[in-house]
Every structure is written in C-alpha cells, then in structure tokens.
Amino acid sequence: MKRISLLFVLLAVLVACANEPGQAPRASGGWSYDEAVSQLKLYPKDPYLQYVVLQFGRRENRLEEAVNEIEGITGIGSREAPNGRAQSVDLFNIFSGALAIQESLQLDTMRGEQVQDA
C-alpha cells in the first residue's frame, strides 16, 4: 500500500513539473520594466522601486528613459541646475531629512553621473 501511495505522489510531482516540449519555463512573479514603472507611480518615494526601474532600464538599454521616468515621477531633477538642491533646503527639517539625502545620493550614484566642479 505504501508503494502505491509513493508511486502516485511521484507521478503527481512529475506531471506537475513537466513542461510542454520546446517551451522554456517562465519564472512567475517577475516584473517587467513597465510594471516596475507603474509601481513607482503608486509609490514614488520608494528608493527600492527607483533602483528596480534603473536596473530594468540598464538591462533593456533604456537607461535614459528610466532616468527621465524617475525624475518625472519623483520630481527629483538632474544636476543641470547646480544650485537646485541648495535653494530647496528646508531649515526646519534639516536634522530629520537624512533619509531624503540618502535617497537623493543613492539615485545620483545609480545614475552614474559625475559631479562637475563649478
């Protein structure tokens, strides 16, 4: 009786794991670039989603598009205006803004832009 039960369990596992011939297995639960961008639109301040969108952009040779998407969604501009961050300093939140500074620096680092000395 145990052999028959074991045989049925083994057969059920083989049937469940079998793919059709010539068809590669697809990983379930993975995001595409567009899905990551739509999630970023829902949660624009999430640095992990910003990172995911940038990585998808790099992998799919759409890095410039990814950077533009992130800048447009989050409102974080590029370094075209060198004094942009200095003008937006909020003295009231200067000591509690560590997370924002970290996120901003991480985004700049992930973009790979070089700081130009003025």
Foldseek 3Di string as FASTA:
>chain_A
DVVVVVVVVVVVVCVVPDDDPPDDDDDPPDDALVRLLVVCLVVVVDLVSLLVNCVNCVVVVNNVVSLVSNCVRNVDDDCPPVCVVVVPDDVVCPPVCPSVVVSNVVSVVSSVDDDDDD
